[in-house]
C-alpha atoms as a PDB file:
ATOM      1  CA  MET A   1     -21.523   2.273   0.062  1.00  0.00           C
ATOM      2  CA  SER A   2     -19.186   5.251  -0.462  1.00  0.00           C
ATOM      3  CA  ASP A   3     -16.395   5.074  -3.016  1.00  0.00           C
ATOM      4  CA  ILE A   4     -13.161   5.800  -1.116  1.00  0.00           C
ATOM      5  CA  LYS A   5      -9.800   6.190  -2.810  1.00  0.00           C
ATOM      6  CA  LEU A   6      -6.580   6.700  -0.886  1.00  0.00           C
ATOM      7  CA  CYS A   7      -3.884   7.320  -3.465  1.00  0.00           C
ATOM      8  CA  ILE A   8      -0.496   5.903  -2.540  1.00  0.00           C
ATOM      9  CA  ALA A   9       2.203   8.152  -3.995  1.00  0.00           C
ATOM     10  CA  CYS A  10       4.921   5.795  -5.291  1.00  0.00           C
ATOM     11  CA  HIS A  11       8.057   6.401  -7.317  1.00  0.00           C
ATOM     12  CA  LYS A  12       9.311   2.822  -7.426  1.00  0.00           C
ATOM     13  CA  PRO A  13       7.890  -0.719  -7.211  1.00  0.00           C
ATOM     14  CA  CYS A  14       6.788  -1.612  -3.692  1.00  0.00           C
ATOM     15  CA  ASP A  15       4.306  -3.732  -1.794  1.00  0.00           C
ATOM     16  CA  VAL A  16       0.978  -2.000  -1.205  1.00  0.00           C
ATOM     17  CA  PRO A  17      -2.121  -2.833   0.862  1.00  0.00           C
ATOM     18  CA  LYS A  18      -4.518  -5.230  -0.827  1.00  0.00           C
ATOM     19  CA  SER A  19      -7.690  -3.239  -0.310  1.00  0.00           C
ATOM     20  CA  ASP A  20      -9.992  -1.535  -2.789  1.00  0.00           C
ATOM     21  CA  ILE A  21      -9.662   1.772  -0.927  1.00  0.00           C
ATOM     22  CA  TYR A  22      -5.947   1.980  -1.749  1.00  0.00           C
ATOM     23  CA  LEU A  23      -4.815   3.021  -5.232  1.00  0.00           C
ATOM     24  CA  PRO A  24      -1.065   2.888  -5.905  1.00  0.00           C
ATOM     25  CA  VAL A  25      -0.198   5.756  -8.250  1.00  0.00           C
ATOM     26  CA  GLN A  26       3.185   6.190  -9.896  1.00  0.00           C
ATOM     27  CA  ALA A  27       4.327   9.767  -9.259  1.00  0.00           C
ATOM     28  CA  GLY A  28       6.155  11.342 -12.182  1.00  0.00           C
ATOM     29  CA  SER A  29       5.291   8.499 -14.527  1.00  0.00           C
ATOM     30  CA  ALA A  30       5.770  10.794 -17.533  1.00  0.00           C
ATOM     31  CA  LEU A  31       9.491  10.761 -16.782  1.00  0.00           C
ATOM     32  CA  HIS A  32      10.023   7.073 -15.980  1.00  0.00           C
ATOM     33  CA  ASP A  33       9.278   3.568 -17.168  1.00  0.00           C
ATOM     34  CA  PRO A  34       5.852   2.389 -16.010  1.00  0.00           C
ATOM     35  CA  ILE A  35       5.530   0.355 -12.831  1.00  0.00           C
ATOM     36  CA  PRO A  36       3.407  -2.732 -13.596  1.00  0.00           C
ATOM     37  CA  GLY A  37       0.107  -2.730 -11.743  1.00  0.00           C
ATOM     38  CA  PHE A  38       0.355   0.918 -10.665  1.00  0.00           C
ATOM     39  CA  THR A  39      -1.817   3.715 -12.034  1.00  0.00           C
ATOM     40  CA  PRO A  40       0.250   6.332 -13.896  1.00  0.00           C
ATOM     41  CA  ASP A  41      -0.230   9.999 -13.030  1.00  0.00           C
ATOM     42  CA  ASN A  42       0.253  11.173 -16.629  1.00  0.00           C
ATOM     43  CA  SER A  43      -3.204  10.389 -18.041  1.00  0.00           C
ATOM     44  CA  GLY A  44      -5.829  13.029 -18.690  1.00  0.00           C
ATOM     45  CA  ASP A  45      -5.176  16.479 -17.255  1.00  0.00           C
ATOM     46  CA  ASN A  46      -1.892  16.116 -15.369  1.00  0.00           C
ATOM     47  CA  ILE A  47       1.395  17.707 -14.267  1.00  0.00           C
ATOM     48  CA  SER A  48       3.336  14.441 -14.143  1.00  0.00           C
ATOM     49  CA  ASP A  49       6.362  15.891 -15.952  1.00  0.00           C
ATOM     50  CA  GLN A  50       6.725  18.478 -13.166  1.00  0.00           C
ATOM     51  CA  ASN A  51       7.287  15.797 -10.530  1.00  0.00           C
ATOM     52  CA  PRO A  52      10.903  16.885  -9.823  1.00  0.00           C
ATOM     53  CA  MET A  53       9.370  20.068  -8.375  1.00  0.00           C
ATOM     54  CA  PHE A  54       5.941  18.972  -7.170  1.00  0.00           C
ATOM     55  CA  SER A  55       6.813  15.521  -5.771  1.00  0.00           C
ATOM     56  CA  GLU A  56       3.695  13.709  -4.506  1.00  0.00           C
ATOM     57  CA  LEU A  57       1.540  16.656  -5.552  1.00  0.00           C
ATOM     58  CA  THR A  58       1.552  15.351  -9.129  1.00  0.00           C
ATOM     59  CA  VAL A  59      -0.531  12.471  -7.739  1.00  0.00           C
ATOM     60  CA  VAL A  60      -2.834  14.880  -5.902  1.00  0.00           C
ATOM     61  CA  TYR A  61      -3.307  16.930  -9.080  1.00  0.00           C
ATOM     62  CA  TRP A  62      -4.027  13.840 -11.176  1.00  0.00           C
ATOM     63  CA  ALA A  63      -6.605  12.594  -8.675  1.00  0.00           C
ATOM     64  CA  TRP A  64      -8.237  16.018  -8.470  1.00  0.00           C
ATOM     65  CA  LYS A  65      -8.665  16.189 -12.232  1.00  0.00           C
ATOM     66  CA  ASN A  66      -9.278  12.552 -13.163  1.00  0.00           C
ATOM     67  CA  LEU A  67     -10.360  10.344 -10.268  1.00  0.00           C
ATOM     68  CA  PRO A  68     -14.105   9.890  -9.681  1.00  0.00           C
ATOM     69  CA  CYS A  69     -14.839   9.013  -6.056  1.00  0.00           C
ATOM     70  CA  ASP A  70     -16.767  10.159  -3.008  1.00  0.00           C
ATOM     71  CA  TYR A  71     -13.772  10.453  -0.675  1.00  0.00           C
ATOM     72  CA  PHE A  72     -10.177  11.126  -1.607  1.00  0.00           C
ATOM     73  CA  GLY A  73      -6.955  10.980   0.363  1.00  0.00           C
ATOM     74  CA  LEU A  74      -3.202  10.812  -0.036  1.00  0.00           C
ATOM     75  CA  VAL A  75      -0.692   8.550   1.669  1.00  0.00           C
ATOM     76  CA  HIS A  76       2.865   7.560   0.744  1.00  0.00           C
ATOM     77  CA  TYR A  77       4.449   4.245  -0.108  1.00  0.00           C
ATOM     78  CA  ARG A  78       6.347   4.425   3.189  1.00  0.00           C
ATOM     79  CA  ARG A  79       3.918   6.464   5.287  1.00  0.00           C
ATOM     80  CA  TYR A  80       0.342   5.451   6.048  1.00  0.00           C
ATOM     81  CA  PHE A  81      -2.441   6.302   8.438  1.00  0.00           C
ATOM     82  CA  THR A  82      -2.926   3.638  11.117  1.00  0.00           C
ATOM     83  CA  MET A  83      -5.187   2.908  14.053  1.00  0.00           C
ATOM     84  CA  LYS A  84      -2.861   0.238  15.433  1.00  0.00           C
ATOM     85  CA  SER A  85      -0.596   0.760  18.430  1.00  0.00           C
ATOM     86  CA  LYS A  86       3.165   0.668  18.002  1.00  0.00           C
ATOM     87  CA  SER A  87       3.329  -2.575  19.954  1.00  0.00           C
ATOM     88  CA  TYR A  88       0.850  -4.126  17.529  1.00  0.00           C
ATOM     89  CA  GLN A  89       2.813  -2.881  14.525  1.00  0.00           C
ATOM     90  CA  LYS A  90       6.052  -4.430  15.786  1.00  0.00           C
ATOM     91  CA  ASN A  91       4.445  -7.843  15.946  1.00  0.00           C
ATOM     92  CA  ARG A  92       2.862  -7.722  12.489  1.00  0.00           C
ATOM     93  CA  GLU A  93       3.912  -7.232   8.902  1.00  0.00           C
ATOM     94  CA  GLU A  94       3.926  -3.500   8.199  1.00  0.00           C
ATOM     95  CA  LEU A  95       1.089  -3.566   5.682  1.00  0.00           C
ATOM     96  CA  GLU A  96      -1.137  -5.381   8.173  1.00  0.00           C
ATOM     97  CA  SER A  97      -1.109  -2.270  10.345  1.00  0.00           C
ATOM     98  CA  VAL A  98      -2.327   0.345   7.852  1.00  0.00           C
ATOM     99  CA  LEU A  99      -5.733   1.969   8.178  1.00  0.00           C
ATOM    100  CA  THR A 100      -8.492  -0.345   6.952  1.00  0.00           C
ATOM    101  CA  LYS A 101     -11.778   0.404   5.250  1.00  0.00           C
ATOM    102  CA  GLU A 102     -13.644  -0.886   8.290  1.00  0.00           C
ATOM    103  CA  GLU A 103     -11.736   1.534  10.533  1.00  0.00           C
ATOM    104  CA  LEU A 104     -12.058   4.458   8.122  1.00  0.00           C
ATOM    105  CA  GLU A 105     -15.764   4.409   7.249  1.00  0.00           C
ATOM    106  CA  PRO A 106     -17.061   5.271  10.758  1.00  0.00           C
ATOM    107  CA  MET A 107     -14.643   8.210  10.941  1.00  0.00           C
ATOM    108  CA  LEU A 108     -15.843   9.577   7.606  1.00  0.00           C
ATOM    109  CA  LYS A 109     -19.386   9.628   8.975  1.00  0.00           C
ATOM    110  CA  GLN A 110     -18.252  11.627  12.013  1.00  0.00           C
ATOM    111  CA  TYR A 111     -15.557  13.948  10.612  1.00  0.00           C
ATOM    112  CA  GLN A 112     -15.056  16.109   7.540  1.00  0.00           C
ATOM    113  CA  VAL A 113     -11.261  16.064   7.350  1.00  0.00           C
ATOM    114  CA  LEU A 114      -8.793  13.455   8.587  1.00  0.00           C
ATOM    115  CA  VAL A 115      -5.214  14.601   9.088  1.00  0.00           C
ATOM    116  CA  PRO A 116      -1.995  13.041  10.407  1.00  0.00           C
ATOM    117  CA  LYS A 117      -0.933  13.716  13.975  1.00  0.00           C
ATOM    118  CA  LYS A 118       0.726  17.116  14.215  1.00  0.00           C
ATOM    119  CA  ARG A 119       4.469  17.473  13.907  1.00  0.00           C
ATOM    120  CA  HIS A 120       5.847  19.623  16.751  1.00  0.00           C
ATOM    121  CA  TYR A 121       8.915  21.847  16.367  1.00  0.00           C
ATOM    122  CA  TYR A 122       8.948  23.160  19.970  1.00  0.00           C
ATOM    123  CA  ILE A 123      11.877  25.604  19.647  1.00  0.00           C
ATOM    124  CA  GLU A 124      10.871  26.813  16.173  1.00  0.00           C
ATOM    125  CA  THR A 125       7.788  28.314  14.575  1.00  0.00           C
ATOM    126  CA  ILE A 126       6.544  27.000  11.247  1.00  0.00           C
ATOM    127  CA  TYR A 127       8.087  30.047   9.576  1.00  0.00           C
ATOM    128  CA  SER A 128      11.426  30.103  11.388  1.00  0.00           C
ATOM    129  CA  HIS A 129      11.977  26.390  10.856  1.00  0.00           C
ATOM    130  CA  TYR A 130      11.392  26.764   7.121  1.00  0.00           C
ATOM    131  CA  ALA A 131      13.536  29.883   6.873  1.00  0.00           C
ATOM    132  CA  HIS A 132      16.400  28.204   8.737  1.00  0.00           C
ATOM    133  CA  THR A 133      16.286  24.953   6.767  1.00  0.00           C
ATOM    134  CA  PHE A 134      15.252  26.130   3.279  1.00  0.00           C
ATOM    135  CA  ASP A 135      14.712  29.547   1.665  1.00  0.00           C
ATOM    136  CA  GLY A 136      12.414  31.840   3.634  1.00  0.00           C
ATOM    137  CA  LYS A 137      11.930  33.970   0.500  1.00  0.00           C
ATOM    138  CA  GLN A 138       9.666  31.196  -0.809  1.00  0.00           C
ATOM    139  CA  LEU A 139       7.273  31.678   2.094  1.00  0.00           C
ATOM    140  CA  ASN A 140       7.492  35.454   1.814  1.00  0.00           C
ATOM    141  CA  LEU A 141       6.570  35.293  -1.858  1.00  0.00           C
ATOM    142  CA  THR A 142       3.751  32.894  -1.063  1.00  0.00           C
ATOM    143  CA  LYS A 143       2.306  35.461   1.323  1.00  0.00           C
ATOM    144  CA  GLU A 144       2.549  38.143  -1.368  1.00  0.00           C
ATOM    145  CA  ILE A 145       0.635  35.884  -3.742  1.00  0.00           C
ATOM    146  CA  LEU A 146      -2.054  35.361  -1.105  1.00  0.00           C
ATOM    147  CA  GLN A 147      -2.307  39.109  -0.569  1.00  0.00           C
ATOM    148  CA  LYS A 148      -3.023  39.541  -4.287  1.00  0.00           C
ATOM    149  CA  LYS A 149      -5.179  36.498  -4.989  1.00  0.00           C
ATOM    150  CA  TYR A 150      -6.700  35.437  -1.678  1.00  0.00           C
ATOM    151  CA  PRO A 151      -6.325  38.315   0.814  1.00  0.00           C
ATOM    152  CA  GLU A 152      -8.896  36.739   3.140  1.00  0.00           C
ATOM    153  CA  TYR A 153      -6.331  33.989   3.834  1.00  0.00           C
ATOM    154  CA  VAL A 154      -3.513  36.291   4.966  1.00  0.00           C
ATOM    155  CA  GLU A 155      -4.611  36.315   8.604  1.00  0.00           C
ATOM    156  CA  SER A 156      -4.621  32.513   8.630  1.00  0.00           C
ATOM    157  CA  PHE A 157      -1.205  32.482   6.949  1.00  0.00           C
ATOM    158  CA  ASP A 158       0.250  34.685   9.691  1.00  0.00           C
ATOM    159  CA  ARG A 159      -1.374  32.579  12.407  1.00  0.00           C
ATOM    160  CA  VAL A 160       0.004  29.343  11.005  1.00  0.00           C
ATOM    161  CA  MET A 161       3.485  30.738  10.433  1.00  0.00           C
ATOM    162  CA  ASN A 162       3.659  31.656  14.131  1.00  0.00           C
ATOM    163  CA  GLN A 163       2.576  28.213  15.334  1.00  0.00           C
ATOM    164  CA  ARG A 164       5.066  25.610  16.516  1.00  0.00           C
ATOM    165  CA  SER A 165       3.270  22.599  15.087  1.00  0.00           C
ATOM    166  CA  GLY A 166       1.364  21.611  11.976  1.00  0.00           C
ATOM    167  CA  TYR A 167       0.006  18.842   9.788  1.00  0.00           C
ATOM    168  CA  MET A 168       2.745  17.725   7.408  1.00  0.00           C
ATOM    169  CA  PHE A 169       3.454  15.210   4.604  1.00  0.00           C
ATOM    170  CA  ASN A 170       0.554  16.429   2.395  1.00  0.00           C
ATOM    171  CA  MET A 171      -1.491  13.591   3.892  1.00  0.00           C
ATOM    172  CA  PHE A 172      -5.244  13.985   4.287  1.00  0.00           C
ATOM    173  CA  ILE A 173      -8.587  12.277   3.728  1.00  0.00           C
ATOM    174  CA  MET A 174     -11.757  14.239   2.974  1.00  0.00           C
ATOM    175  CA  ASN A 175     -14.812  14.169   0.756  1.00  0.00           C
ATOM    176  CA  LYS A 176     -13.998  14.774  -2.889  1.00  0.00           C
ATOM    177  CA  LYS A 177     -16.000  18.006  -3.122  1.00  0.00           C
ATOM    178  CA  LEU A 178     -13.998  19.569  -0.292  1.00  0.00           C
ATOM    179  CA  ALA A 179     -10.747  18.157  -1.679  1.00  0.00           C
ATOM    180  CA  ASP A 180     -11.516  19.685  -5.074  1.00  0.00           C
ATOM    181  CA  GLN A 181     -11.991  23.105  -3.476  1.00  0.00           C
ATOM    182  CA  TYR A 182      -8.687  22.750  -1.644  1.00  0.00           C
ATOM    183  CA  CYS A 183      -6.828  21.675  -4.780  1.00  0.00           C
ATOM    184  CA  GLU A 184      -8.194  24.522  -6.871  1.00  0.00           C
ATOM    185  CA  TRP A 185      -6.937  27.011  -4.280  1.00  0.00           C
ATOM    186  CA  LEU A 186      -3.613  25.253  -3.660  1.00  0.00           C
ATOM    187  CA  PHE A 187      -2.480  24.761  -7.243  1.00  0.00           C
ATOM    188  CA  ASP A 188      -3.458  28.284  -8.257  1.00  0.00           C
ATOM    189  CA  ILE A 189      -1.053  29.557  -5.604  1.00  0.00           C
ATOM    190  CA  LEU A 190       1.729  27.064  -6.370  1.00  0.00           C
ATOM    191  CA  PHE A 191       1.655  27.623 -10.139  1.00  0.00           C
ATOM    192  CA  THR A 192       1.949  31.360  -9.519  1.00  0.00           C
ATOM    193  CA  LEU A 193       4.802  30.780  -7.084  1.00  0.00           C
ATOM    194  CA  VAL A 194       6.711  28.676  -9.611  1.00  0.00           C
ATOM    195  CA  LYS A 195       6.351  31.433 -12.211  1.00  0.00           C
ATOM    196  CA  GLU A 196       7.545  34.177  -9.867  1.00  0.00           C
ATOM    197  CA  TYR A 197      10.333  32.401  -7.958  1.00  0.00           C
ATOM    198  CA  SER A 198      13.608  31.845  -9.781  1.00  0.00           C
ATOM    199  CA  ALA A 199      14.804  28.249  -9.500  1.00  0.00           C
ATOM    200  CA  ASP A 200      18.156  28.984 -11.133  1.00  0.00           C
ATOM    201  CA  GLY A 201      20.983  27.140  -9.409  1.00  0.00           C
ATOM    202  CA  LEU A 202      18.786  25.025  -7.168  1.00  0.00           C
ATOM    203  CA  SER A 203      19.789  21.429  -6.509  1.00  0.00           C
ATOM    204  CA  GLY A 204      17.379  18.573  -7.128  1.00  0.00           C
ATOM    205  CA  PHE A 205      16.595  18.511  -3.405  1.00  0.00           C
ATOM    206  CA  GLU A 206      15.969  22.269  -3.302  1.00  0.00           C
ATOM    207  CA  MET A 207      13.797  22.121  -6.429  1.00  0.00           C
ATOM    208  CA  ARG A 208      11.098  20.307  -4.502  1.00  0.00           C
ATOM    209  CA  TYR A 209      10.060  23.488  -2.687  1.00  0.00           C
ATOM    210  CA  PRO A 210       6.438  23.557  -4.052  1.00  0.00           C
ATOM    211  CA  GLY A 211       5.741  20.313  -2.179  1.00  0.00           C
ATOM    212  CA  ARG A 212       7.181  21.763   1.032  1.00  0.00           C
ATOM    213  CA  ILE A 213       5.244  25.004   0.679  1.00  0.00           C
ATOM    214  CA  SER A 214       2.043  23.030   0.149  1.00  0.00           C
ATOM    215  CA  GLU A 215       2.498  21.282   3.506  1.00  0.00           C
ATOM    216  CA  ARG A 216       2.367  24.685   5.181  1.00  0.00           C
ATOM    217  CA  LEU A 217      -0.457  25.929   2.968  1.00  0.00           C
ATOM    218  CA  PHE A 218      -2.634  22.970   3.900  1.00  0.00           C
ATOM    219  CA  ASN A 219      -2.591  24.263   7.475  1.00  0.00           C
ATOM    220  CA  VAL A 220      -3.428  27.759   6.244  1.00  0.00           C
ATOM    221  CA  TRP A 221      -6.376  26.459   4.257  1.00  0.00           C
ATOM    222  CA  LEU A 222      -7.690  24.467   7.225  1.00  0.00           C
ATOM    223  CA  ASP A 223      -7.342  27.434   9.567  1.00  0.00           C
ATOM    224  CA  TYR A 224      -9.358  29.617   7.203  1.00  0.00           C
ATOM    225  CA  GLN A 225     -12.084  26.989   6.780  1.00  0.00           C
ATOM    226  CA  VAL A 226     -12.503  26.998  10.559  1.00  0.00           C
ATOM    227  CA  ARG A 227     -12.378  30.782  10.926  1.00  0.00           C
ATOM    228  CA  SER A 228     -14.945  31.224   8.150  1.00  0.00           C
ATOM    229  CA  ASP A 229     -17.233  28.568   9.681  1.00  0.00           C
ATOM    230  CA  VAL A 230     -16.984  26.202   6.726  1.00  0.00           C
ATOM    231  CA  LEU A 231     -15.589  23.612   9.126  1.00  0.00           C
ATOM    232  CA  ASP A 232     -16.117  23.152  12.824  1.00  0.00           C
ATOM    233  CA  PRO A 233     -12.829  22.394  14.647  1.00  0.00           C
ATOM    234  CA  ASN A 234     -14.424  19.186  15.885  1.00  0.00           C
ATOM    235  CA  GLU A 235     -14.864  18.052  12.277  1.00  0.00           C
ATOM    236  CA  ILE A 236     -11.077  17.854  11.838  1.00  0.00           C
ATOM    237  CA  HIS A 237      -9.674  14.667  13.321  1.00  0.00           C
ATOM    238  CA  GLU A 238      -6.048  13.650  13.846  1.00  0.00           C
ATOM    239  CA  VAL A 239      -5.153  10.065  12.955  1.00  0.00           C
ATOM    240  CA  PRO A 240      -1.838   8.397  13.877  1.00  0.00           C
ATOM    241  CA  TYR A 241       0.523   7.541  11.057  1.00  0.00           C
ATOM    242  CA  MET A 242       3.285   5.010  10.621  1.00  0.00           C
ATOM    243  CA  TYR A 243       6.539   5.173   8.675  1.00  0.00           C
ATOM    244  CA  PHE A 244       8.089   2.176   6.934  1.00  0.00           C
ATOM    245  CA  GLY A 245      11.833   2.445   7.281  1.00  0.00           C
ATOM    246  CA  GLN A 246      14.490   3.751   9.621  1.00  0.00           C
ATOM    247  CA  ILE A 247      14.977   7.416  10.478  1.00  0.00           C
ATOM    248  CA  ASP A 248      18.479   8.540  11.373  1.00  0.00           C
ATOM    249  CA  TRP A 249      17.342  10.463  14.440  1.00  0.00           C
ATOM    250  CA  LYS A 250      20.865  11.494  15.439  1.00  0.00           C
ATOM    251  CA  ARG A 251      21.486  13.130  12.074  1.00  0.00           C
ATOM    252  CA  LYS A 252      17.973  14.553  11.963  1.00  0.00           C
ATOM    253  CA  ILE A 253      18.244  16.194  15.393  1.00  0.00           C
ATOM    254  CA  THR A 254      21.790  17.407  14.718  1.00  0.00           C
ATOM    255  CA  SER A 255      20.690  18.963  11.427  1.00  0.00           C
ATOM    256  CA  PHE A 256      17.646  20.534  13.087  1.00  0.00           C
ATOM    257  CA  LEU A 257      19.810  22.207  15.740  1.00  0.00           C
ATOM    258  CA  ALA A 258      22.444  23.253  13.186  1.00  0.00           C
ATOM    259  CA  ALA A 259      19.708  24.943  11.158  1.00  0.00           C
ATOM    260  CA  LYS A 260      18.329  26.669  14.256  1.00  0.00           C
ATOM    261  CA  LEU A 261      21.654  27.807  15.724  1.00  0.00           C
ATOM    262  CA  PHE A 262      23.865  28.267  12.663  1.00  0.00           C
ATOM    263  CA  HIS A 263      21.310  28.617   9.831  1.00  0.00           C
ATOM    264  CA  LYS A 264      22.784  25.609   8.071  1.00  0.00           C
ATOM    265  CA  LYS A 265      20.319  24.620   5.357  1.00  0.00           C
ATOM    266  CA  TYR A 266      19.064  21.087   4.743  1.00  0.00           C
ATOM    267  CA  THR A 267      20.669  19.477   1.711  1.00  0.00           C
ATOM    268  CA  LYS A 268      18.869  16.114   1.654  1.00  0.00           C
ATOM    269  CA  SER A 269      16.011  14.191   3.210  1.00  0.00           C
ATOM    270  CA  PHE A 270      16.390  12.152   6.396  1.00  0.00           C
END
């Protein structure tokens, strides 16, 4: 039987699925009082104290360095993979609808990487949406870092930046060996980016740019794995996801259009 660990990135007490595949991990635990029953992300080799910048990636880093398992994945305390229909979810408690071990194991035998359903921007590319809503210089600098450190990835970077959809939320499930390779590549780039990009004057919301850049880089990494024949496209499988909570769609859509038409930057999450 494979050892599967899906880390739940949490920053406050919350209900979590009662299954041995789910591990609730307190993100940024070095900066806060411990949450009883949750695993802290500040043991062993960790970047827990950098959580204000790296967000849920402090959990990813901790798992990469300290968590022994065969398969590793990341979900959020309010966002999970699910195989249940929306009609089913509405008639059940939310946690009853999350992906189960019985549903996951057959997929892991068939696929190498599980990802959330793509987010579509339609009237924006990955690059233009980021540049309109945040600071496009962050993506430009990321490309420069790739050109120096991983030039073979530049073509994939350009391809992804011109797409109008991508896998977001830093959610994934894959075997630990593959996840380790991804993390080694990802954090090397992000640590360099943090050193080279001045964060002076950024708000707390803006400071979280490494986590946003990583969402885009995950797509770059996947594209390169396919182009270099490490992964077959059919080995990457999209899984639906569910969100616990209410999204203010009116404000979200209005802000999206304001960013597109008037370059008005995002100032908070939706």
